Structures are given as structure tokens and as C-alpha cells.
Amino acid sequence: MSRVPITPLADYVVAVQESATTKTASGLYLPDKGSEKPKIANVLAVGSDVKNVKVADKIIFGGYSNTDIKIDGVEYMLIKLENIYAKVN
């Protein structure tokens, strides 16, 4: 994923969500239906008004107002800065 086909404006971030874990630490497999996607994503692009978040950061986000867009088989998310709670170190 070398080039991001979306340029975020203002205080939006373009990110790709990490895939959900399908196997527990004890070796049990989780069904797809019952598992909730993790709220962790990798940042691919940031808008001009975004502070404290940069490309390649891993973020924890919340809210249901994210916009999901699928381009060339890749699912991107547009996340508003106010919905980003933290960065993962």
C-alpha cells in the first residue's frame, strides 16, 4: 500500500483498521459473527489541521461516525480527529 488514493481535509485522518484476532491465547478460535473489530488502526494520511498524529502512527479510535470507503479492494476509514483517543506506543 504505497500510495493512498484519498487526501483527507482539515481535521480528518485516513487509516486502515487492524484485523480482528480470530484465535485466543489459549488456542480457541473465535467465530467471525460474534467478534467485534478492534478499534485500532494504522494512519496512512492526515489532514492539514491534524496535530499530534502523523503517518505510520497506530491509533485507538471510537465512535460510529467514521466513514468507511473501499477502493481497489482496500477498506479505508476517514476518522475525525476528535474521535481519536490515543496513540499506541
PDB file of N, CA and C in Angstrom:
ATOM      1  N   MET A   1       0.841  -1.170   0.000  1.00  0.00           N
ATOM      2  CA  MET A   1       0.000   0.000   0.000  1.00  0.00           C
ATOM      3  C   MET A   1       0.889   1.237   0.000  1.00  0.00           C
ATOM      4  N   SER A   2       1.486   1.541  -1.112  1.00  0.00           N
ATOM      5  CA  SER A   2       2.451   2.624  -1.179  1.00  0.00           C
ATOM      6  C   SER A   2       1.785   3.987  -1.367  1.00  0.00           C
ATOM      7  N   ARG A   3       0.730   4.037  -2.138  1.00  0.00           N
ATOM      8  CA  ARG A   3       0.072   5.315  -2.414  1.00  0.00           C
ATOM      9  C   ARG A   3      -1.354   5.271  -1.887  1.00  0.00           C
ATOM     10  N   VAL A   4      -1.732   6.303  -1.141  1.00  0.00           N
ATOM     11  CA  VAL A   4      -3.083   6.380  -0.591  1.00  0.00           C
ATOM     12  C   VAL A   4      -3.944   7.166  -1.574  1.00  0.00           C
ATOM     13  N   PRO A   5      -5.057   6.579  -2.046  1.00  0.00           N
ATOM     14  CA  PRO A   5      -5.888   7.253  -3.045  1.00  0.00           C
ATOM     15  C   PRO A   5      -6.830   8.306  -2.470  1.00  0.00           C
ATOM     16  N   ILE A   6      -6.689   8.628  -1.202  1.00  0.00           N
ATOM     17  CA  ILE A   6      -7.567   9.598  -0.544  1.00  0.00           C
ATOM     18  C   ILE A   6      -6.701  10.654   0.137  1.00  0.00           C
ATOM     19  N   THR A   7      -7.055  11.916  -0.040  1.00  0.00           N
ATOM     20  CA  THR A   7      -6.376  13.001   0.661  1.00  0.00           C
ATOM     21  C   THR A   7      -7.355  13.601   1.654  1.00  0.00           C
ATOM     22  N   PRO A   8      -7.092  13.440   2.950  1.00  0.00           N
ATOM     23  CA  PRO A   8      -8.022  13.968   3.948  1.00  0.00           C
ATOM     24  C   PRO A   8      -7.934  15.492   4.050  1.00  0.00           C
ATOM     25  N   LEU A   9      -9.040  16.116   4.349  1.00  0.00           N
ATOM     26  CA  LEU A   9      -9.097  17.558   4.521  1.00  0.00           C
ATOM     27  C   LEU A   9      -9.208  17.900   6.000  1.00  0.00           C
ATOM     28  N   ALA A  10      -8.796  19.096   6.345  1.00  0.00           N
ATOM     29  CA  ALA A  10      -8.946  19.684   7.685  1.00  0.00           C
ATOM     30  C   ALA A  10      -8.499  18.741   8.790  1.00  0.00           C
ATOM     31  N   ASP A  11      -9.448  18.321   9.652  1.00  0.00           N
ATOM     32  CA  ASP A  11      -9.092  17.526  10.833  1.00  0.00           C
ATOM     33  C   ASP A  11      -9.481  16.059  10.686  1.00  0.00           C
ATOM     34  N   TYR A  12      -9.299  15.498   9.500  1.00  0.00           N
ATOM     35  CA  TYR A  12      -9.589  14.085   9.255  1.00  0.00           C
ATOM     36  C   TYR A  12      -8.303  13.306   9.030  1.00  0.00           C
ATOM     37  N   VAL A  13      -8.363  12.028   9.345  1.00  0.00           N
ATOM     38  CA  VAL A  13      -7.249  11.101   9.186  1.00  0.00           C
ATOM     39  C   VAL A  13      -7.730   9.944   8.328  1.00  0.00           C
ATOM     40  N   VAL A  14      -6.893   9.462   7.409  1.00  0.00           N
ATOM     41  CA  VAL A  14      -7.189   8.246   6.643  1.00  0.00           C
ATOM     42  C   VAL A  14      -6.414   7.114   7.311  1.00  0.00           C
ATOM     43  N   ALA A  15      -7.118   6.024   7.620  1.00  0.00           N
ATOM     44  CA  ALA A  15      -6.479   4.908   8.309  1.00  0.00           C
ATOM     45  C   ALA A  15      -7.040   3.583   7.808  1.00  0.00           C
ATOM     46  N   VAL A  16      -6.316   2.517   8.110  1.00  0.00           N
ATOM     47  CA  VAL A  16      -6.759   1.159   7.803  1.00  0.00           C
ATOM     48  C   VAL A  16      -6.848   0.419   9.125  1.00  0.00           C
ATOM     49  N   GLN A  17      -7.995  -0.175   9.377  1.00  0.00           N
ATOM     50  CA  GLN A  17      -8.232  -0.865  10.637  1.00  0.00           C
ATOM     51  C   GLN A  17      -7.482  -2.176  10.691  1.00  0.00           C
ATOM     52  N   GLU A  18      -6.943  -2.495  11.875  1.00  0.00           N
ATOM     53  CA  GLU A  18      -6.273  -3.777  12.067  1.00  0.00           C
ATOM     54  C   GLU A  18      -7.306  -4.885  12.055  1.00  0.00           C
ATOM     55  N   SER A  19      -6.904  -6.054  11.607  1.00  0.00           N
ATOM     56  CA  SER A  19      -7.837  -7.175  11.546  1.00  0.00           C
ATOM     57  C   SER A  19      -8.086  -7.739  12.941  1.00  0.00           C
ATOM     58  N   ALA A  20      -9.264  -8.281  13.130  1.00  0.00           N
ATOM     59  CA  ALA A  20      -9.657  -8.846  14.420  1.00  0.00           C
ATOM     60  C   ALA A  20      -8.919 -10.154  14.671  1.00  0.00           C
ATOM     61  N   THR A  21      -8.630 -10.418  15.938  1.00  0.00           N
ATOM     62  CA  THR A  21      -7.985 -11.665  16.318  1.00  0.00           C
ATOM     63  C   THR A  21      -8.996 -12.793  16.213  1.00  0.00           C
ATOM     64  N   THR A  22      -8.612 -13.877  15.560  1.00  0.00           N
ATOM     65  CA  THR A  22      -9.534 -15.000  15.404  1.00  0.00           C
ATOM     66  C   THR A  22      -9.183 -16.157  16.308  1.00  0.00           C
ATOM     67  N   LYS A  23      -8.088 -16.041  17.038  1.00  0.00           N
ATOM     68  CA  LYS A  23      -7.662 -17.117  17.925  1.00  0.00           C
ATOM     69  C   LYS A  23      -7.268 -16.527  19.273  1.00  0.00           C
ATOM     70  N   THR A  24      -7.771 -17.118  20.365  1.00  0.00           N
ATOM     71  CA  THR A  24      -7.440 -16.632  21.696  1.00  0.00           C
ATOM     72  C   THR A  24      -6.068 -17.141  22.109  1.00  0.00           C
ATOM     73  N   ALA A  25      -5.547 -16.616  23.214  1.00  0.00           N
ATOM     74  CA  ALA A  25      -4.241 -17.032  23.720  1.00  0.00           C
ATOM     75  C   ALA A  25      -4.228 -18.507  24.105  1.00  0.00           C
ATOM     76  N   SER A  26      -5.388 -19.027  24.499  1.00  0.00           N
ATOM     77  CA  SER A  26      -5.463 -20.443  24.884  1.00  0.00           C
ATOM     78  C   SER A  26      -5.694 -21.367  23.694  1.00  0.00           C
ATOM     79  N   GLY A  27      -5.804 -20.797  22.483  1.00  0.00           N
ATOM     80  CA  GLY A  27      -5.920 -21.625  21.286  1.00  0.00           C
ATOM     81  C   GLY A  27      -7.324 -21.812  20.756  1.00  0.00           C
ATOM     82  N   LEU A  28      -8.325 -21.170  21.360  1.00  0.00           N
ATOM     83  CA  LEU A  28      -9.701 -21.287  20.879  1.00  0.00           C
ATOM     84  C   LEU A  28      -9.919 -20.332  19.714  1.00  0.00           C
ATOM     85  N   TYR A  29     -10.635 -20.786  18.699  1.00  0.00           N
ATOM     86  CA  TYR A  29     -10.945 -19.943  17.551  1.00  0.00           C
ATOM     87  C   TYR A  29     -12.265 -19.216  17.780  1.00  0.00           C
ATOM     88  N   LEU A  30     -12.282 -17.931  17.456  1.00  0.00           N
ATOM     89  CA  LEU A  30     -13.475 -17.115  17.625  1.00  0.00           C
ATOM     90  C   LEU A  30     -14.241 -17.049  16.309  1.00  0.00           C
ATOM     91  N   PRO A  31     -15.569 -17.158  16.351  1.00  0.00           N
ATOM     92  CA  PRO A  31     -16.350 -17.036  15.115  1.00  0.00           C
ATOM     93  C   PRO A  31     -16.367 -15.590  14.645  1.00  0.00           C
ATOM     94  N   ASP A  32     -16.479 -15.386  13.335  1.00  0.00           N
ATOM     95  CA  ASP A  32     -16.498 -14.037  12.776  1.00  0.00           C
ATOM     96  C   ASP A  32     -17.711 -13.245  13.219  1.00  0.00           C
ATOM     97  N   LYS A  33     -18.865 -13.896  13.333  1.00  0.00           N
ATOM     98  CA  LYS A  33     -20.099 -13.199  13.684  1.00  0.00           C
ATOM     99  C   LYS A  33     -20.032 -12.543  15.055  1.00  0.00           C
ATOM    100  N   GLY A  34     -19.501 -13.242  16.036  1.00  0.00           N
ATOM    101  CA  GLY A  34     -19.519 -12.749  17.403  1.00  0.00           C
ATOM    102  C   GLY A  34     -18.395 -11.815  17.756  1.00  0.00           C
ATOM    103  N   SER A  35     -17.425 -11.678  16.885  1.00  0.00           N
ATOM    104  CA  SER A  35     -16.270 -10.849  17.239  1.00  0.00           C
ATOM    105  C   SER A  35     -16.462  -9.416  16.759  1.00  0.00           C
ATOM    106  N   GLU A  36     -16.085  -8.502  17.618  1.00  0.00           N
ATOM    107  CA  GLU A  36     -16.144  -7.082  17.271  1.00  0.00           C
ATOM    108  C   GLU A  36     -14.771  -6.671  16.769  1.00  0.00           C
ATOM    109  N   LYS A  37     -14.736  -5.848  15.739  1.00  0.00           N
ATOM    110  CA  LYS A  37     -13.460  -5.390  15.208  1.00  0.00           C
ATOM    111  C   LYS A  37     -12.757  -4.540  16.258  1.00  0.00           C
ATOM    112  N   PRO A  38     -11.449  -4.679  16.359  1.00  0.00           N
ATOM    113  CA  PRO A  38     -10.737  -3.831  17.317  1.00  0.00           C
ATOM    114  C   PRO A  38     -10.792  -2.382  16.871  1.00  0.00           C
ATOM    115  N   LYS A  39     -10.685  -1.498  17.798  1.00  0.00           N
ATOM    116  CA  LYS A  39     -10.725  -0.072  17.491  1.00  0.00           C
ATOM    117  C   LYS A  39      -9.305   0.471  17.403  1.00  0.00           C
ATOM    118  N   ILE A  40      -8.451  -0.258  16.671  1.00  0.00           N
ATOM    119  CA  ILE A  40      -7.076   0.147  16.446  1.00  0.00           C
ATOM    120  C   ILE A  40      -6.848   0.219  14.944  1.00  0.00           C
ATOM    121  N   ALA A  41      -6.180   1.283  14.500  1.00  0.00           N
ATOM    122  CA  ALA A  41      -5.943   1.457  13.068  1.00  0.00           C
ATOM    123  C   ALA A  41      -4.564   2.050  12.819  1.00  0.00           C
ATOM    124  N   ASN A  42      -4.070   1.848  11.615  1.00  0.00           N
ATOM    125  CA  ASN A  42      -2.797   2.411  11.184  1.00  0.00           C
ATOM    126  C   ASN A  42      -3.069   3.635  10.314  1.00  0.00           C
ATOM    127  N   VAL A  43      -2.432   4.757  10.644  1.00  0.00           N
ATOM    128  CA  VAL A  43      -2.655   6.017   9.943  1.00  0.00           C
ATOM    129  C   VAL A  43      -1.869   6.030   8.630  1.00  0.00           C
ATOM    130  N   LEU A  44      -2.565   6.370   7.539  1.00  0.00           N
ATOM    131  CA  LEU A  44      -1.943   6.433   6.221  1.00  0.00           C
ATOM    132  C   LEU A  44      -1.787   7.852   5.706  1.00  0.00           C
ATOM    133  N   ALA A  45      -2.667   8.768   6.132  1.00  0.00           N
ATOM    134  CA  ALA A  45      -2.604  10.167   5.698  1.00  0.00           C
ATOM    135  C   ALA A  45      -3.321  11.029   6.730  1.00  0.00           C
ATOM    136  N   VAL A  46      -2.892  12.287   6.857  1.00  0.00           N
ATOM    137  CA  VAL A  46      -3.522  13.209   7.811  1.00  0.00           C
ATOM    138  C   VAL A  46      -3.866  14.517   7.120  1.00  0.00           C
ATOM    139  N   GLY A  47      -4.936  15.155   7.594  1.00  0.00           N
ATOM    140  CA  GLY A  47      -5.352  16.448   7.072  1.00  0.00           C
ATOM    141  C   GLY A  47      -4.466  17.565   7.606  1.00  0.00           C
ATOM    142  N   SER A  48      -4.602  18.737   7.028  1.00  0.00           N
ATOM    143  CA  SER A  48      -3.729  19.868   7.365  1.00  0.00           C
ATOM    144  C   SER A  48      -3.913  20.394   8.788  1.00  0.00           C
ATOM    145  N   ASP A  49      -5.080  20.182   9.391  1.00  0.00           N
ATOM    146  CA  ASP A  49      -5.338  20.682  10.745  1.00  0.00           C
ATOM    147  C   ASP A  49      -5.071  19.652  11.839  1.00  0.00           C
ATOM    148  N   VAL A  50      -4.567  18.489  11.487  1.00  0.00           N
ATOM    149  CA  VAL A  50      -4.350  17.417  12.474  1.00  0.00           C
ATOM    150  C   VAL A  50      -3.044  17.662  13.213  1.00  0.00           C
ATOM    151  N   LYS A  51      -3.136  17.664  14.539  1.00  0.00           N
ATOM    152  CA  LYS A  51      -1.967  17.844  15.402  1.00  0.00           C
ATOM    153  C   LYS A  51      -1.763  16.564  16.213  1.00  0.00           C
ATOM    154  N   ASN A  52      -0.538  16.238  16.529  1.00  0.00           N
ATOM    155  CA  ASN A  52      -0.158  15.121  17.397  1.00  0.00           C
ATOM    156  C   ASN A  52      -0.375  13.734  16.796  1.00  0.00           C
ATOM    157  N   VAL A  53      -0.798  13.631  15.572  1.00  0.00           N
ATOM    158  CA  VAL A  53      -0.943  12.344  14.889  1.00  0.00           C
ATOM    159  C   VAL A  53      -0.253  12.470  13.538  1.00  0.00           C
ATOM    160  N   LYS A  54       0.552  11.455  13.193  1.00  0.00           N
ATOM    161  CA  LYS A  54       1.259  11.513  11.917  1.00  0.00           C
ATOM    162  C   LYS A  54       1.140  10.172  11.194  1.00  0.00           C
ATOM    163  N   VAL A  55       1.541  10.172   9.942  1.00  0.00           N
ATOM    164  CA  VAL A  55       1.510   8.958   9.122  1.00  0.00           C
ATOM    165  C   VAL A  55       2.358   7.885   9.804  1.00  0.00           C
ATOM    166  N   ALA A  56       1.878   6.653   9.784  1.00  0.00           N
ATOM    167  CA  ALA A  56       2.516   5.470  10.362  1.00  0.00           C
ATOM    168  C   ALA A  56       2.218   5.292  11.856  1.00  0.00           C
ATOM    169  N   ASP A  57       1.505   6.243  12.482  1.00  0.00           N
ATOM    170  CA  ASP A  57       1.090   6.042  13.871  1.00  0.00           C
ATOM    171  C   ASP A  57       0.017   4.979  13.936  1.00  0.00           C
ATOM    172  N   LYS A  58      -0.045   4.291  15.070  1.00  0.00           N
ATOM    173  CA  LYS A  58      -1.120   3.337  15.345  1.00  0.00           C
ATOM    174  C   LYS A  58      -2.018   4.027  16.366  1.00  0.00           C
ATOM    175  N   ILE A  59      -3.318   4.132  16.051  1.00  0.00           N
ATOM    176  CA  ILE A  59      -4.232   4.907  16.894  1.00  0.00           C
ATOM    177  C   ILE A  59      -5.354   4.041  17.457  1.00  0.00           C
ATOM    178  N   ILE A  60      -5.902   4.510  18.570  1.00  0.00           N
ATOM    179  CA  ILE A  60      -7.113   3.930  19.152  1.00  0.00           C
ATOM    180  C   ILE A  60      -8.207   4.957  18.911  1.00  0.00           C
ATOM    181  N   PHE A  61      -9.302   4.510  18.313  1.00  0.00           N
ATOM    182  CA  PHE A  61     -10.369   5.450  17.962  1.00  0.00           C
ATOM    183  C   PHE A  61     -11.704   4.914  18.441  1.00  0.00           C
ATOM    184  N   GLY A  62     -12.689   5.785  18.461  1.00  0.00           N
ATOM    185  CA  GLY A  62     -14.022   5.408  18.895  1.00  0.00           C
ATOM    186  C   GLY A  62     -15.068   6.127  18.081  1.00  0.00           C
ATOM    187  N   GLY A  63     -16.301   5.852  18.423  1.00  0.00           N
ATOM    188  CA  GLY A  63     -17.399   6.498  17.730  1.00  0.00           C
ATOM    189  C   GLY A  63     -17.865   5.707  16.526  1.00  0.00           C
ATOM    190  N   TYR A  64     -19.057   6.022  16.105  1.00  0.00           N
ATOM    191  CA  TYR A  64     -19.644   5.331  14.960  1.00  0.00           C
ATOM    192  C   TYR A  64     -19.792   6.259  13.766  1.00  0.00           C
ATOM    193  N   SER A  65     -19.172   7.428  13.850  1.00  0.00           N
ATOM    194  CA  SER A  65     -19.321   8.394  12.765  1.00  0.00           C
ATOM    195  C   SER A  65     -18.194   8.306  11.733  1.00  0.00           C
ATOM    196  N   ASN A  66     -17.363   7.275  11.824  1.00  0.00           N
ATOM    197  CA  ASN A  66     -16.299   7.102  10.836  1.00  0.00           C
ATOM    198  C   ASN A  66     -16.913   6.756   9.490  1.00  0.00           C
ATOM    199  N   THR A  67     -16.256   7.183   8.434  1.00  0.00           N
ATOM    200  CA  THR A  67     -16.711   6.888   7.084  1.00  0.00           C
ATOM    201  C   THR A  67     -15.824   5.805   6.501  1.00  0.00           C
ATOM    202  N   ASP A  68     -16.413   4.683   6.111  1.00  0.00           N
ATOM    203  CA  ASP A  68     -15.677   3.575   5.511  1.00  0.00           C
ATOM    204  C   ASP A  68     -15.799   3.643   4.004  1.00  0.00           C
ATOM    205  N   ILE A  69     -14.663   3.527   3.322  1.00  0.00           N
ATOM    206  CA  ILE A  69     -14.632   3.595   1.863  1.00  0.00           C
ATOM    207  C   ILE A  69     -13.763   2.454   1.350  1.00  0.00           C
ATOM    208  N   LYS A  70     -14.258   1.733   0.360  1.00  0.00           N
ATOM    209  CA  LYS A  70     -13.488   0.639  -0.232  1.00  0.00           C
ATOM    210  C   LYS A  70     -13.036   1.065  -1.627  1.00  0.00           C
ATOM    211  N   ILE A  71     -11.714   1.093  -1.835  1.00  0.00           N
ATOM    212  CA  ILE A  71     -11.134   1.468  -3.115  1.00  0.00           C
ATOM    213  C   ILE A  71     -10.121   0.398  -3.510  1.00  0.00           C
ATOM    214  N   ASP A  72     -10.287  -0.162  -4.693  1.00  0.00           N
ATOM    215  CA  ASP A  72      -9.387  -1.205  -5.208  1.00  0.00           C
ATOM    216  C   ASP A  72      -9.206  -2.351  -4.215  1.00  0.00           C
ATOM    217  N   GLY A  73     -10.288  -2.735  -3.545  1.00  0.00           N
ATOM    218  CA  GLY A  73     -10.255  -3.871  -2.634  1.00  0.00           C
ATOM    219  C   GLY A  73      -9.713  -3.577  -1.244  1.00  0.00           C
ATOM    220  N   VAL A  74      -9.322  -2.337  -0.969  1.00  0.00           N
ATOM    221  CA  VAL A  74      -8.806  -1.956   0.344  1.00  0.00           C
ATOM    222  C   VAL A  74      -9.835  -1.090   1.045  1.00  0.00           C
ATOM    223  N   GLU A  75     -10.128  -1.423   2.317  1.00  0.00           N
ATOM    224  CA  GLU A  75     -11.086  -0.639   3.094  1.00  0.00           C
ATOM    225  C   GLU A  75     -10.360   0.443   3.882  1.00  0.00           C
ATOM    226  N   TYR A  76     -10.643   1.690   3.541  1.00  0.00           N
ATOM    227  CA  TYR A  76     -10.076   2.842   4.230  1.00  0.00           C
ATOM    228  C   TYR A  76     -11.132   3.436   5.148  1.00  0.00           C
ATOM    229  N   MET A  77     -10.678   4.128   6.179  1.00  0.00           N
ATOM    230  CA  MET A  77     -11.582   4.833   7.081  1.00  0.00           C
ATOM    231  C   MET A  77     -11.172   6.295   7.151  1.00  0.00           C
ATOM    232  N   LEU A  78     -12.163   7.165   7.148  1.00  0.00           N
ATOM    233  CA  LEU A  78     -11.937   8.575   7.430  1.00  0.00           C
ATOM    234  C   LEU A  78     -12.380   8.798   8.874  1.00  0.00           C
ATOM    235  N   ILE A  79     -11.450   9.204   9.727  1.00  0.00           N
ATOM    236  CA  ILE A  79     -11.725   9.380  11.153  1.00  0.00           C
ATOM    237  C   ILE A  79     -11.476  10.834  11.518  1.00  0.00           C
ATOM    238  N   LYS A  80     -12.445  11.445  12.170  1.00  0.00           N
ATOM    239  CA  LYS A  80     -12.304  12.828  12.627  1.00  0.00           C
ATOM    240  C   LYS A  80     -11.367  12.845  13.839  1.00  0.00           C
ATOM    241  N   LEU A  81     -10.510  13.865  13.918  1.00  0.00           N
ATOM    242  CA  LEU A  81      -9.510  13.954  14.976  1.00  0.00           C
ATOM    243  C   LEU A  81     -10.115  13.820  16.373  1.00  0.00           C
ATOM    244  N   GLU A  82     -11.287  14.375  16.594  1.00  0.00           N
ATOM    245  CA  GLU A  82     -11.909  14.315  17.922  1.00  0.00           C
ATOM    246  C   GLU A  82     -12.303  12.890  18.330  1.00  0.00           C
ATOM    247  N   ASN A  83     -12.350  11.967  17.366  1.00  0.00           N
ATOM    248  CA  ASN A  83     -12.671  10.566  17.658  1.00  0.00           C
ATOM    249  C   ASN A  83     -11.432   9.708  17.873  1.00  0.00           C
ATOM    250  N   ILE A  84     -10.242  10.314  17.820  1.00  0.00           N
ATOM    251  CA  ILE A  84      -9.012   9.593  18.104  1.00  0.00           C
ATOM    252  C   ILE A  84      -8.672   9.824  19.573  1.00  0.00           C
ATOM    253  N   TYR A  85      -8.591   8.706  20.332  1.00  0.00           N
ATOM    254  CA  TYR A  85      -8.397   8.814  21.778  1.00  0.00           C
ATOM    255  C   TYR A  85      -6.943   8.727  22.204  1.00  0.00           C
ATOM    256  N   ALA A  86      -6.139   7.930  21.456  1.00  0.00           N
ATOM    257  CA  ALA A  86      -4.757   7.722  21.889  1.00  0.00           C
ATOM    258  C   ALA A  86      -3.931   7.143  20.751  1.00  0.00           C
ATOM    259  N   LYS A  87      -2.602   7.187  20.957  1.00  0.00           N
ATOM    260  CA  LYS A  87      -1.676   6.523  20.059  1.00  0.00           C
ATOM    261  C   LYS A  87      -1.105   5.325  20.791  1.00  0.00           C
ATOM    262  N   VAL A  88      -0.856   4.239  20.065  1.00  0.00           N
ATOM    263  CA  VAL A  88      -0.264   3.035  20.657  1.00  0.00           C
ATOM    264  C   VAL A  88       1.247   3.145  20.488  1.00  0.00           C
ATOM    265  N   ASN A  89       1.975   2.934  21.564  1.00  0.00           N
ATOM    266  CA  ASN A  89       3.448   3.023  21.521  1.00  0.00           C
ATOM    267  C   ASN A  89       4.053   1.711  21.092  1.00  0.00           C
TER     268      ASN A  89
END
